[in-house]
Amino acid sequence: MKRRATSADERALFETAFKDAKALAKSTAKRAAKPKAAAKPVPNAVRTAPASHSGIDGNTERDLRKGERVPDARLDLHGMTENAAHRALATFLRGAQARGLRLLLVVTGKGKPASPDEPFDMGSRRGVLKTMTPRWLAEPAFAPFIADVRSAHRKHGGDGAYYVYLRKSAGR
């Protein structure tokens, strides 16, 4: 696209509008080059990572994506009620963290597929455990010792399971 030429009237209007304008005190380039002061750590506060950043390194992330890491422990929630599954998950996570395990596999299942007799899903809740498990794992009680939660690799259950990667315990 070719640029339009500025007329003499437009140029004069521009110059009168900006004749009293002053340059900025400091260049933004100089400010960007200046290193920022490090934030002081807050004592006794739970530090949380930004939502876009997981608590695992690149090699671990790649291994999980490819299914090359073998889970240290496995919990199968199939057939449990919502309350029983929540209690089992809490007990499992606390026990695994106490034993110093890192990679856990939580199998939820995918939920019942819609039957041919029900052409429309009229508000029935399918896959409750699959939906609720990530919410439970984000609860404040678990957040301090969970580094990452993601769907499992196909060979470990795929969409019907989650990898839960725990942080290193403070004593290790």
Protein backbone atom coordinates (compact mmCIF):
# COMPACT_ATOMS: atom_id res chain seq x y z
CA MET A 1 0.00 0.00 0.00
CA LYS A 2 1.33 3.40 -0.94
CA ARG A 3 1.45 6.14 1.69
CA ARG A 4 -0.68 9.22 1.17
CA ALA A 5 1.18 12.52 0.82
CA THR A 6 0.58 15.08 3.58
CA SER A 7 -0.85 18.41 2.42
CA ALA A 8 0.58 21.79 3.48
CA ASP A 9 -2.57 22.53 5.54
CA GLU A 10 -2.25 19.23 7.42
CA ARG A 11 1.43 19.86 8.12
CA ALA A 12 0.71 23.39 9.46
CA LEU A 13 -2.08 22.04 11.69
CA PHE A 14 0.27 19.36 13.06
CA GLU A 15 3.04 21.89 13.81
CA THR A 16 0.69 24.27 15.66
CA ALA A 17 -0.78 21.39 17.71
CA PHE A 18 2.65 20.15 18.81
CA LYS A 19 4.63 23.41 19.07
CA ASP A 20 4.42 23.42 22.89
CA ALA A 21 5.25 19.72 23.27
CA LYS A 22 8.34 18.79 25.28
CA ALA A 23 10.52 15.70 25.16
CA LEU A 24 10.20 13.11 27.91
CA ALA A 25 12.55 13.55 30.87
CA LYS A 26 14.21 10.14 30.45
CA SER A 27 14.33 7.84 27.51
CA THR A 28 12.31 4.65 27.93
CA ALA A 29 15.22 2.70 26.44
CA LYS A 30 17.46 3.73 29.34
CA ARG A 31 14.83 2.70 31.87
CA ALA A 32 14.37 -0.69 30.22
CA ALA A 33 18.10 -1.40 30.42
CA LYS A 34 18.22 -0.63 34.15
CA PRO A 35 17.87 -3.85 36.19
CA LYS A 36 14.89 -3.98 38.51
CA ALA A 37 15.39 -4.45 42.22
CA ALA A 38 14.60 -7.95 43.41
CA ALA A 39 11.39 -8.30 45.37
CA LYS A 40 11.88 -8.98 49.05
CA PRO A 41 10.66 -12.43 50.09
CA VAL A 42 7.55 -12.39 52.24
CA PRO A 43 8.07 -14.51 55.36
CA ASN A 44 5.53 -17.24 56.15
CA ALA A 45 3.61 -16.63 52.94
CA VAL A 46 2.64 -19.25 50.40
CA ARG A 47 4.28 -18.41 47.10
CA THR A 48 2.26 -19.34 44.07
CA ALA A 49 3.50 -19.52 40.50
CA PRO A 50 1.67 -17.64 37.76
CA ALA A 51 -1.06 -19.67 36.09
CA SER A 52 0.88 -19.94 32.84
CA HIS A 53 3.99 -21.32 34.53
CA SER A 54 4.10 -24.87 35.79
CA GLY A 55 6.39 -25.98 38.56
CA ILE A 56 8.36 -28.45 36.46
CA ASP A 57 11.44 -28.07 34.29
CA GLY A 58 11.58 -28.51 30.53
CA ASN A 59 12.98 -32.05 30.58
CA THR A 60 10.31 -33.28 32.97
CA GLU A 61 7.62 -31.54 30.91
CA ARG A 62 8.86 -33.24 27.74
CA ASP A 63 9.03 -36.66 29.43
CA LEU A 64 5.47 -36.30 30.73
CA ARG A 65 4.19 -35.19 27.33
CA LYS A 66 5.80 -38.25 25.72
CA GLY A 67 4.72 -40.62 28.51
CA GLU A 68 8.31 -41.57 29.31
CA ARG A 69 8.04 -41.10 33.08
CA VAL A 70 6.57 -43.96 35.08
CA PRO A 71 4.26 -42.77 37.87
CA ASP A 72 5.47 -43.52 41.41
CA ALA A 73 1.94 -44.28 42.63
CA ARG A 74 -1.55 -44.67 41.17
CA LEU A 75 -5.04 -43.93 42.49
CA ASP A 76 -8.10 -45.24 40.68
CA LEU A 77 -11.30 -43.33 41.46
CA HIS A 78 -13.58 -45.42 39.21
CA GLY A 79 -16.92 -46.23 40.80
CA MET A 80 -16.51 -43.90 43.78
CA THR A 81 -19.00 -41.28 44.83
CA GLU A 82 -17.91 -37.66 44.69
CA ASN A 83 -17.40 -37.44 48.48
CA ALA A 84 -15.54 -40.74 48.70
CA ALA A 85 -13.31 -39.78 45.77
CA HIS A 86 -12.44 -36.43 47.36
CA ARG A 87 -11.48 -38.10 50.66
CA ALA A 88 -9.46 -40.79 48.85
CA LEU A 89 -7.63 -38.15 46.79
CA ALA A 90 -6.78 -36.08 49.89
CA THR A 91 -5.45 -39.12 51.74
CA PHE A 92 -3.50 -40.30 48.70
CA LEU A 93 -1.85 -36.91 48.11
CA ARG A 94 -0.86 -36.42 51.74
CA GLY A 95 0.56 -39.94 51.96
CA ALA A 96 2.50 -39.61 48.71
CA GLN A 97 3.93 -36.25 49.76
CA ALA A 98 4.98 -37.66 53.14
CA ARG A 99 6.74 -40.60 51.41
CA GLY A 100 8.58 -38.21 49.07
CA LEU A 101 6.94 -39.42 45.85
CA ARG A 102 6.98 -37.04 42.88
CA LEU A 103 4.80 -38.30 40.00
CA LEU A 104 1.31 -39.59 40.75
CA LEU A 105 -1.34 -40.92 38.41
CA VAL A 106 -4.97 -40.23 39.33
CA VAL A 107 -7.40 -42.21 37.17
CA THR A 108 -10.87 -40.67 36.98
CA GLY A 109 -12.32 -42.27 33.87
CA LYS A 110 -13.94 -40.32 31.07
CA GLY A 111 -17.53 -40.60 32.29
CA LYS A 112 -20.36 -42.48 30.68
CA PRO A 113 -20.87 -41.78 26.99
CA ALA A 114 -24.29 -40.54 25.96
CA SER A 115 -26.59 -43.45 25.22
CA PRO A 116 -28.27 -43.69 21.82
CA ASP A 117 -31.64 -43.36 23.60
CA GLU A 118 -30.65 -39.89 24.85
CA PRO A 119 -29.85 -37.82 21.75
CA PHE A 120 -29.45 -34.65 23.82
CA ASP A 121 -27.69 -34.19 27.12
CA MET A 122 -30.45 -32.56 29.14
CA GLY A 123 -28.29 -31.35 32.02
CA SER A 124 -27.30 -34.78 33.27
CA ARG A 125 -23.88 -34.76 34.90
CA ARG A 126 -21.46 -37.03 33.07
CA GLY A 127 -17.84 -37.42 34.03
CA VAL A 128 -18.26 -35.81 37.45
CA LEU A 129 -14.94 -37.09 38.81
CA LYS A 130 -13.10 -36.04 35.65
CA THR A 131 -14.52 -32.54 36.05
CA MET A 132 -14.06 -32.23 39.81
CA THR A 133 -10.55 -33.67 40.22
CA PRO A 134 -8.68 -30.65 38.74
CA ARG A 135 -10.81 -28.37 40.93
CA TRP A 136 -9.94 -30.37 44.04
CA LEU A 137 -6.26 -30.32 43.15
CA ALA A 138 -6.38 -26.51 42.94
CA GLU A 139 -7.77 -26.19 46.49
CA PRO A 140 -5.64 -24.20 48.95
CA ALA A 141 -5.05 -27.33 51.05
CA PHE A 142 -3.20 -29.05 48.17
CA ALA A 143 -1.72 -26.13 46.21
CA PRO A 144 1.45 -25.75 48.36
CA PHE A 145 2.75 -29.21 47.49
CA ILE A 146 1.50 -29.65 43.89
CA ALA A 147 3.87 -28.45 41.18
CA ASP A 148 1.80 -29.40 38.11
CA VAL A 149 -1.42 -31.14 37.03
CA ARG A 150 -2.00 -32.25 33.45
CA SER A 151 -3.81 -34.91 31.43
CA ALA A 152 -1.95 -38.19 31.34
CA HIS A 153 -0.29 -39.67 28.27
CA ARG A 154 -2.38 -42.12 26.28
CA LYS A 155 -0.51 -45.15 27.62
CA HIS A 156 -1.30 -44.05 31.19
CA GLY A 157 -5.01 -43.38 30.63
CA GLY A 158 -5.09 -40.31 28.38
CA ASP A 159 -8.14 -38.10 28.90
CA GLY A 160 -9.38 -40.38 31.68
CA ALA A 161 -6.38 -39.75 33.99
CA TYR A 162 -4.24 -36.95 35.35
CA TYR A 163 -0.56 -36.68 36.17
CA VAL A 164 -0.02 -34.91 39.48
CA TYR A 165 3.59 -33.81 39.92
CA LEU A 166 4.45 -33.00 43.53
CA ARG A 167 6.99 -30.47 44.71
CA LYS A 168 10.05 -31.65 46.56
CA SER A 169 9.27 -31.72 50.26
CA ALA A 170 11.09 -29.13 52.36
CA GLY A 171 13.11 -31.75 54.25
CA ARG A 172 14.63 -33.32 51.10
